[in-house]
Every structure is written in structure tokens, then in C-alpha cells.
Amino acid sequence: MSESAPRVVIVPATLESIDVVQAEFDEWWTTLADDNMKTRFAFETAIVEIAANIVEHTQRVEGQSGRGYSLELAATDAEVTAIFTDNGKPADIDLSTVTMADIDEESGRGLALAIAALDSLDYRRVGGRNVWTLVCKR
């Protein structure tokens, strides 16, 4: 395992951005020389779910152009961290109350999957921006 210089990706809040985020994650993970597939899968799953959540809520709630988000990926020997920052409206969410959606529901699993995959998921509003911090121990 190794540490890496942080990687920052800035994208518009569009469906296409999720593919960009996943491709950037793949490239970044390769630089870590970490063959722990359990950690990789859990972390990648959470990253894709949070990116999709940002895009979905930006488009559904706001429907405005000009919305975007950034993702900063970082690694130490102890953990991998992702920080999403978006310029959308405040998220009205209490992460301690998130549960998995019923099997017959079409949505509502993203945050629950991210929480289950990570060691820590935090949301806060800072300086007019939503900040999501994802942490997975190595």
C-alpha cells in the first residue's frame, strides 16, 4: 500500500459525470498499488452512489444549469478518503436515520449502500456548499 497525492476532479452535475468520476477513481486507485479488492469495491461503490445522489438531487430538486461538484481523492497508509463538494441546495438529511429502501422501491438505496460500504460518511454544509466526506480504512 502507498500514499498518494490528492487527485481532484471537477465536473458538472450531469449523468455523464458519474462515468468521469468512476474513470478518475480507477486511474487514481491504480497509483496506490493496493490490491485489497474488498476495500476498493467498498470505496468505489460509495463514491459512485454519492456522485449519483448529488446528480439526481441537483437535477430533480433544482433543474438548473451551472450546478457542479468536485471530488478529492486521497490516501494514507491507514485510510482512503473522498471529499465531494457541490454547489447545490442544502441536503435535508440526517445520516443516522438512513435505512435501506424496500425491495419494491425504485430508488432510495444510495446513501444506505454508501453507509454500509464505508467506515465513515459525513455530511455538512460549509460556506454555501454541501460537503460529503467518505472514509474507508485500509
N, C-alpha and C. Protein backbone atom coordinates (compact mmCIF):
# COMPACT_ATOMS: atom_id res chain seq x y z
N MET A 1 0.86 -1.19 0.00
CA MET A 1 0.00 0.00 0.00
C MET A 1 0.89 1.23 0.00
N SER A 2 0.32 2.29 -0.51
CA SER A 2 1.09 3.52 -0.52
C SER A 2 0.16 4.71 -0.42
N GLU A 3 0.77 5.83 -0.04
CA GLU A 3 0.04 7.09 -0.02
C GLU A 3 0.05 7.67 -1.42
N SER A 4 -0.82 8.62 -1.66
CA SER A 4 -0.84 9.26 -2.97
C SER A 4 -1.09 10.75 -2.79
N ALA A 5 -0.65 11.48 -3.80
CA ALA A 5 -1.00 12.89 -3.83
C ALA A 5 -2.50 12.97 -4.08
N PRO A 6 -3.19 13.91 -3.46
CA PRO A 6 -4.63 14.01 -3.70
C PRO A 6 -4.93 14.24 -5.18
N ARG A 7 -6.01 13.66 -5.64
CA ARG A 7 -6.48 13.87 -7.01
C ARG A 7 -7.81 14.60 -6.91
N VAL A 8 -7.96 15.66 -7.70
CA VAL A 8 -9.18 16.44 -7.69
C VAL A 8 -9.83 16.37 -9.07
N VAL A 9 -11.11 16.10 -9.08
CA VAL A 9 -11.91 16.04 -10.30
C VAL A 9 -13.03 17.06 -10.15
N ILE A 10 -13.23 17.90 -11.15
CA ILE A 10 -14.31 18.89 -11.12
C ILE A 10 -15.20 18.62 -12.34
N VAL A 11 -16.49 18.41 -12.07
CA VAL A 11 -17.42 18.04 -13.14
C VAL A 11 -18.76 18.75 -12.97
N PRO A 12 -19.51 18.89 -14.08
CA PRO A 12 -20.88 19.40 -13.96
C PRO A 12 -21.76 18.30 -13.36
N ALA A 13 -22.84 18.67 -12.73
CA ALA A 13 -23.75 17.70 -12.11
C ALA A 13 -24.67 17.11 -13.18
N THR A 14 -24.08 16.23 -14.01
CA THR A 14 -24.82 15.56 -15.08
C THR A 14 -24.63 14.06 -14.94
N LEU A 15 -25.50 13.29 -15.58
CA LEU A 15 -25.36 11.83 -15.54
C LEU A 15 -24.00 11.38 -16.07
N GLU A 16 -23.50 12.04 -17.09
CA GLU A 16 -22.20 11.68 -17.67
C GLU A 16 -21.06 11.84 -16.67
N SER A 17 -21.22 12.72 -15.72
CA SER A 17 -20.15 12.95 -14.74
C SER A 17 -19.87 11.72 -13.89
N ILE A 18 -20.84 10.87 -13.71
CA ILE A 18 -20.63 9.67 -12.90
C ILE A 18 -19.60 8.76 -13.56
N ASP A 19 -19.66 8.63 -14.88
CA ASP A 19 -18.65 7.84 -15.61
C ASP A 19 -17.28 8.48 -15.49
N VAL A 20 -17.22 9.80 -15.56
CA VAL A 20 -15.94 10.51 -15.42
C VAL A 20 -15.35 10.26 -14.03
N VAL A 21 -16.19 10.38 -13.01
CA VAL A 21 -15.74 10.14 -11.63
C VAL A 21 -15.22 8.71 -11.47
N GLN A 22 -15.93 7.75 -12.03
CA GLN A 22 -15.50 6.36 -11.91
C GLN A 22 -14.19 6.11 -12.64
N ALA A 23 -14.02 6.70 -13.82
CA ALA A 23 -12.77 6.55 -14.56
C ALA A 23 -11.60 7.18 -13.81
N GLU A 24 -11.82 8.36 -13.23
CA GLU A 24 -10.77 9.02 -12.45
C GLU A 24 -10.42 8.18 -11.21
N PHE A 25 -11.43 7.60 -10.58
CA PHE A 25 -11.18 6.73 -9.44
C PHE A 25 -10.31 5.55 -9.86
N ASP A 26 -10.65 4.91 -10.98
CA ASP A 26 -9.88 3.76 -11.46
C ASP A 26 -8.41 4.13 -11.67
N GLU A 27 -8.17 5.26 -12.32
CA GLU A 27 -6.79 5.70 -12.55
C GLU A 27 -6.07 5.98 -11.23
N TRP A 28 -6.76 6.68 -10.32
CA TRP A 28 -6.17 7.01 -9.03
C TRP A 28 -5.86 5.75 -8.24
N TRP A 29 -6.80 4.80 -8.19
CA TRP A 29 -6.59 3.58 -7.40
C TRP A 29 -5.37 2.82 -7.91
N THR A 30 -5.17 2.81 -9.21
CA THR A 30 -4.02 2.13 -9.80
C THR A 30 -2.71 2.70 -9.25
N THR A 31 -2.67 4.00 -9.00
CA THR A 31 -1.44 4.61 -8.49
C THR A 31 -1.14 4.20 -7.05
N LEU A 32 -2.13 3.65 -6.35
CA LEU A 32 -1.93 3.26 -4.96
C LEU A 32 -1.19 1.95 -4.81
N ALA A 33 -1.19 1.13 -5.83
CA ALA A 33 -0.60 -0.20 -5.75
C ALA A 33 -1.19 -0.98 -4.58
N ASP A 34 -2.49 -0.88 -4.42
CA ASP A 34 -3.21 -1.55 -3.34
C ASP A 34 -4.07 -2.65 -3.97
N ASP A 35 -3.77 -3.90 -3.64
CA ASP A 35 -4.52 -5.00 -4.25
C ASP A 35 -5.66 -5.51 -3.37
N ASN A 36 -6.05 -4.73 -2.36
CA ASN A 36 -7.16 -5.12 -1.48
C ASN A 36 -8.47 -4.82 -2.21
N MET A 37 -9.02 -5.84 -2.85
CA MET A 37 -10.22 -5.65 -3.65
C MET A 37 -11.45 -5.36 -2.79
N LYS A 38 -11.47 -5.84 -1.57
CA LYS A 38 -12.62 -5.56 -0.70
C LYS A 38 -12.70 -4.06 -0.41
N THR A 39 -11.57 -3.46 -0.08
CA THR A 39 -11.55 -2.02 0.18
C THR A 39 -11.87 -1.25 -1.09
N ARG A 40 -11.26 -1.65 -2.18
CA ARG A 40 -11.51 -0.95 -3.44
C ARG A 40 -13.00 -0.99 -3.81
N PHE A 41 -13.60 -2.16 -3.76
CA PHE A 41 -15.01 -2.30 -4.14
C PHE A 41 -15.91 -1.48 -3.23
N ALA A 42 -15.67 -1.54 -1.93
CA ALA A 42 -16.49 -0.78 -0.98
C ALA A 42 -16.36 0.71 -1.23
N PHE A 43 -15.14 1.18 -1.38
CA PHE A 43 -14.89 2.61 -1.56
C PHE A 43 -15.46 3.10 -2.90
N GLU A 44 -15.23 2.34 -3.95
CA GLU A 44 -15.74 2.72 -5.27
C GLU A 44 -17.27 2.73 -5.29
N THR A 45 -17.88 1.75 -4.68
CA THR A 45 -19.34 1.70 -4.60
C THR A 45 -19.88 2.96 -3.92
N ALA A 46 -19.29 3.32 -2.80
CA ALA A 46 -19.74 4.50 -2.07
C ALA A 46 -19.55 5.77 -2.89
N ILE A 47 -18.42 5.89 -3.56
CA ILE A 47 -18.14 7.08 -4.38
C ILE A 47 -19.18 7.21 -5.50
N VAL A 48 -19.45 6.14 -6.19
CA VAL A 48 -20.43 6.18 -7.28
C VAL A 48 -21.82 6.51 -6.74
N GLU A 49 -22.19 5.94 -5.60
CA GLU A 49 -23.51 6.21 -5.03
C GLU A 49 -23.66 7.67 -4.61
N ILE A 50 -22.63 8.24 -4.00
CA ILE A 50 -22.72 9.66 -3.59
C ILE A 50 -22.74 10.57 -4.82
N ALA A 51 -21.91 10.27 -5.82
CA ALA A 51 -21.93 11.06 -7.05
C ALA A 51 -23.32 11.01 -7.69
N ALA A 52 -23.90 9.83 -7.77
CA ALA A 52 -25.23 9.68 -8.36
C ALA A 52 -26.28 10.43 -7.54
N ASN A 53 -26.13 10.40 -6.23
CA ASN A 53 -27.06 11.10 -5.34
C ASN A 53 -26.98 12.61 -5.58
N ILE A 54 -25.77 13.14 -5.70
CA ILE A 54 -25.60 14.57 -5.96
C ILE A 54 -26.26 14.94 -7.28
N VAL A 55 -25.99 14.16 -8.33
CA VAL A 55 -26.56 14.44 -9.65
C VAL A 55 -28.08 14.35 -9.61
N GLU A 56 -28.59 13.27 -9.03
CA GLU A 56 -30.05 13.07 -9.00
C GLU A 56 -30.76 14.20 -8.28
N HIS A 57 -30.27 14.57 -7.12
CA HIS A 57 -30.96 15.59 -6.35
C HIS A 57 -30.78 16.99 -6.94
N THR A 58 -29.66 17.23 -7.57
CA THR A 58 -29.46 18.51 -8.24
C THR A 58 -30.44 18.65 -9.39
N GLN A 59 -30.57 17.62 -10.20
CA GLN A 59 -31.47 17.68 -11.36
C GLN A 59 -32.93 17.66 -10.95
N ARG A 60 -33.28 16.82 -9.99
CA ARG A 60 -34.68 16.68 -9.61
C ARG A 60 -35.18 17.89 -8.83
N VAL A 61 -34.40 18.33 -7.87
CA VAL A 61 -34.84 19.41 -7.00
C VAL A 61 -34.64 20.78 -7.63
N GLU A 62 -33.53 20.95 -8.32
CA GLU A 62 -33.19 22.28 -8.79
C GLU A 62 -33.43 22.48 -10.28
N GLY A 63 -33.09 21.49 -11.08
CA GLY A 63 -33.28 21.59 -12.51
C GLY A 63 -32.57 22.78 -13.14
N GLN A 64 -31.48 23.19 -12.54
CA GLN A 64 -30.76 24.37 -13.03
C GLN A 64 -29.45 23.95 -13.69
N SER A 65 -29.05 24.72 -14.68
CA SER A 65 -27.71 24.51 -15.22
C SER A 65 -26.74 25.25 -14.31
N GLY A 66 -25.47 24.97 -14.47
CA GLY A 66 -24.47 25.64 -13.67
C GLY A 66 -24.15 24.94 -12.37
N ARG A 67 -24.83 23.86 -12.09
CA ARG A 67 -24.53 23.10 -10.88
C ARG A 67 -23.41 22.12 -11.18
N GLY A 68 -22.53 21.96 -10.22
CA GLY A 68 -21.41 21.05 -10.40
C GLY A 68 -20.91 20.56 -9.07
N TYR A 69 -19.92 19.69 -9.16
CA TYR A 69 -19.32 19.18 -7.93
C TYR A 69 -17.87 18.81 -8.18
N SER A 70 -17.16 18.70 -7.07
CA SER A 70 -15.77 18.26 -7.16
C SER A 70 -15.61 17.04 -6.26
N LEU A 71 -14.62 16.25 -6.59
CA LEU A 71 -14.25 15.08 -5.81
C LEU A 71 -12.76 15.13 -5.58
N GLU A 72 -12.36 15.05 -4.32
CA GLU A 72 -10.95 14.97 -3.98
C GLU A 72 -10.69 13.60 -3.38
N LEU A 73 -9.77 12.86 -3.98
CA LEU A 73 -9.39 11.53 -3.51
C LEU A 73 -8.01 11.61 -2.87
N ALA A 74 -7.87 10.99 -1.70
CA ALA A 74 -6.58 10.99 -1.01
C ALA A 74 -6.39 9.66 -0.29
N ALA A 75 -5.14 9.31 -0.06
CA ALA A 75 -4.84 8.05 0.62
C ALA A 75 -3.66 8.22 1.55
N THR A 76 -3.76 7.57 2.70
CA THR A 76 -2.65 7.40 3.60
C THR A 76 -2.48 5.89 3.80
N ASP A 77 -1.49 5.49 4.55
CA ASP A 77 -1.33 4.06 4.82
C ASP A 77 -2.51 3.52 5.63
N ALA A 78 -3.21 4.37 6.35
CA ALA A 78 -4.30 3.94 7.22
C ALA A 78 -5.68 3.97 6.57
N GLU A 79 -5.90 4.91 5.61
CA GLU A 79 -7.25 5.05 5.06
C GLU A 79 -7.24 5.71 3.70
N VAL A 80 -8.36 5.54 2.99
CA VAL A 80 -8.61 6.28 1.75
C VAL A 80 -9.79 7.20 2.03
N THR A 81 -9.72 8.40 1.46
CA THR A 81 -10.73 9.42 1.74
C THR A 81 -11.19 10.06 0.43
N ALA A 82 -12.48 10.31 0.36
CA ALA A 82 -13.06 11.05 -0.76
C ALA A 82 -13.87 12.20 -0.19
N ILE A 83 -13.69 13.38 -0.74
CA ILE A 83 -14.47 14.54 -0.30
C ILE A 83 -15.17 15.12 -1.52
N PHE A 84 -16.49 15.04 -1.49
CA PHE A 84 -17.32 15.66 -2.52
C PHE A 84 -17.74 17.03 -2.02
N THR A 85 -17.68 18.01 -2.90
CA THR A 85 -18.18 19.35 -2.59
C THR A 85 -19.07 19.76 -3.76
N ASP A 86 -20.30 20.18 -3.45
CA ASP A 86 -21.18 20.61 -4.54
C ASP A 86 -21.84 21.93 -4.20
N ASN A 87 -22.28 22.61 -5.26
CA ASN A 87 -22.89 23.93 -5.09
C ASN A 87 -24.41 23.87 -5.17
N GLY A 88 -24.97 22.73 -4.81
CA GLY A 88 -26.42 22.57 -4.80
C GLY A 88 -27.04 23.13 -3.53
N LYS A 89 -28.36 23.02 -3.48
CA LYS A 89 -29.08 23.44 -2.29
C LYS A 89 -28.71 22.53 -1.12
N PRO A 90 -28.90 23.00 0.11
CA PRO A 90 -28.58 22.16 1.27
C PRO A 90 -29.35 20.84 1.23
N ALA A 91 -28.68 19.78 1.60
CA ALA A 91 -29.34 18.47 1.68
C ALA A 91 -30.02 18.38 3.03
N ASP A 92 -31.28 18.05 3.00
CA ASP A 92 -32.05 17.91 4.23
C ASP A 92 -31.99 16.44 4.63
N ILE A 93 -30.87 16.04 5.27
CA ILE A 93 -30.65 14.64 5.56
C ILE A 93 -30.01 14.46 6.94
N ASP A 94 -30.48 13.47 7.64
CA ASP A 94 -29.87 13.03 8.89
C ASP A 94 -29.35 11.62 8.62
N LEU A 95 -28.04 11.49 8.45
CA LEU A 95 -27.46 10.21 8.06
C LEU A 95 -27.72 9.11 9.09
N SER A 96 -27.97 9.49 10.33
CA SER A 96 -28.22 8.47 11.37
C SER A 96 -29.58 7.81 11.19
N THR A 97 -30.44 8.37 10.37
CA THR A 97 -31.78 7.80 10.17
C THR A 97 -31.92 7.09 8.82
N VAL A 98 -30.86 7.02 8.03
CA VAL A 98 -30.92 6.41 6.71
C VAL A 98 -31.08 4.90 6.84
N THR A 99 -32.05 4.37 6.11
CA THR A 99 -32.26 2.92 6.05
C THR A 99 -32.37 2.49 4.59
N MET A 100 -32.21 1.20 4.36
CA MET A 100 -32.31 0.66 3.01
C MET A 100 -33.77 0.70 2.57
N ALA A 101 -33.99 1.10 1.32
CA ALA A 101 -35.34 1.14 0.75
C ALA A 101 -35.89 -0.27 0.63
N ASP A 102 -37.21 -0.39 0.64
CA ASP A 102 -37.85 -1.68 0.43
C ASP A 102 -37.49 -2.23 -0.94
N ILE A 103 -37.54 -3.52 -1.07
CA ILE A 103 -37.13 -4.18 -2.31
C ILE A 103 -37.95 -3.75 -3.53
N ASP A 104 -39.20 -3.36 -3.33
CA ASP A 104 -40.04 -2.97 -4.45
C ASP A 104 -39.93 -1.50 -4.82
N GLU A 105 -39.14 -0.73 -4.07
CA GLU A 105 -38.95 0.68 -4.39
C GLU A 105 -37.84 0.83 -5.43
N GLU A 106 -38.01 1.81 -6.32
CA GLU A 106 -37.06 2.01 -7.41
C GLU A 106 -35.83 2.81 -7.01
N SER A 107 -35.90 3.56 -5.93
CA SER A 107 -34.74 4.36 -5.51
C SER A 107 -34.67 4.35 -3.99
N GLY A 108 -33.68 5.08 -3.46
CA GLY A 108 -33.57 5.19 -2.01
C GLY A 108 -32.55 4.27 -1.39
N ARG A 109 -31.65 3.71 -2.21
CA ARG A 109 -30.64 2.80 -1.67
C ARG A 109 -29.24 3.40 -1.61
N GLY A 110 -29.01 4.50 -2.35
CA GLY A 110 -27.67 5.05 -2.50
C GLY A 110 -26.97 5.38 -1.20
N LEU A 111 -27.60 6.17 -0.35
CA LEU A 111 -26.96 6.54 0.91
C LEU A 111 -26.80 5.34 1.82
N ALA A 112 -27.78 4.45 1.85
CA ALA A 112 -27.69 3.25 2.69
C ALA A 112 -26.53 2.37 2.22
N LEU A 113 -26.37 2.21 0.91
CA LEU A 113 -25.24 1.43 0.39
C LEU A 113 -23.91 2.08 0.74
N ALA A 114 -23.83 3.40 0.60
CA ALA A 114 -22.60 4.12 0.92
C ALA A 114 -22.25 3.95 2.40
N ILE A 115 -23.24 4.11 3.27
CA ILE A 115 -23.01 3.96 4.71
C ILE A 115 -22.52 2.56 5.03
N ALA A 116 -23.14 1.55 4.40
CA ALA A 116 -22.76 0.16 4.66
C ALA A 116 -21.34 -0.14 4.16
N ALA A 117 -20.92 0.51 3.08
CA ALA A 117 -19.63 0.23 2.48
C ALA A 117 -18.47 0.93 3.18
N LEU A 118 -18.75 2.01 3.88
CA LEU A 118 -17.69 2.86 4.44
C LEU A 118 -17.50 2.67 5.93
N ASP A 119 -16.36 3.13 6.40
CA ASP A 119 -16.14 3.23 7.84
C ASP A 119 -16.74 4.51 8.38
N SER A 120 -16.86 5.53 7.52
CA SER A 120 -17.42 6.80 7.95
C SER A 120 -17.97 7.56 6.74
N LEU A 121 -19.17 8.12 6.92
CA LEU A 121 -19.77 9.02 5.94
C LEU A 121 -20.29 10.22 6.71
N ASP A 122 -19.87 11.41 6.29
CA ASP A 122 -20.25 12.63 6.97
C ASP A 122 -20.79 13.63 5.95
N TYR A 123 -21.85 14.32 6.32
CA TYR A 123 -22.38 15.41 5.51
C TYR A 123 -22.42 16.67 6.36
N ARG A 124 -22.00 17.78 5.75
CA ARG A 124 -22.14 19.09 6.42
C ARG A 124 -22.26 20.16 5.34
N ARG A 125 -22.78 21.29 5.75
CA ARG A 125 -22.91 22.45 4.86
C ARG A 125 -21.84 23.44 5.28
N VAL A 126 -20.97 23.82 4.36
CA VAL A 126 -19.86 24.71 4.66
C VAL A 126 -19.77 25.79 3.59
N GLY A 127 -19.87 27.04 3.99
CA GLY A 127 -19.69 28.15 3.06
C GLY A 127 -20.62 28.09 1.86
N GLY A 128 -21.87 27.69 2.06
CA GLY A 128 -22.82 27.63 0.97
C GLY A 128 -22.66 26.41 0.07
N ARG A 129 -21.88 25.44 0.52
CA ARG A 129 -21.66 24.22 -0.27
C ARG A 129 -21.97 22.99 0.57
N ASN A 130 -22.39 21.93 -0.10
CA ASN A 130 -22.56 20.63 0.54
C ASN A 130 -21.22 19.91 0.51
N VAL A 131 -20.82 19.35 1.63
CA VAL A 131 -19.55 18.63 1.71
C VAL A 131 -19.83 17.23 2.27
N TRP A 132 -19.47 16.23 1.47
CA TRP A 132 -19.63 14.83 1.83
C TRP A 132 -18.24 14.24 2.01
N THR A 133 -17.95 13.67 3.18
CA THR A 133 -16.64 13.06 3.42
C THR A 133 -16.81 11.56 3.62
N LEU A 134 -16.12 10.80 2.80
CA LEU A 134 -16.19 9.34 2.80
C LEU A 134 -14.84 8.80 3.25
N VAL A 135 -14.83 7.87 4.19
CA VAL A 135 -13.59 7.29 4.68
C VAL A 135 -13.71 5.78 4.73
N CYS A 136 -12.67 5.11 4.21
CA CYS A 136 -12.58 3.66 4.26
C CYS A 136 -11.20 3.31 4.82
N LYS A 137 -11.19 2.54 5.89
CA LYS A 137 -9.92 2.10 6.47
C LYS A 137 -9.25 1.11 5.53
N ARG A 138 -7.91 1.10 5.55
CA ARG A 138 -7.15 0.17 4.70
C ARG A 138 -6.63 -0.99 5.52
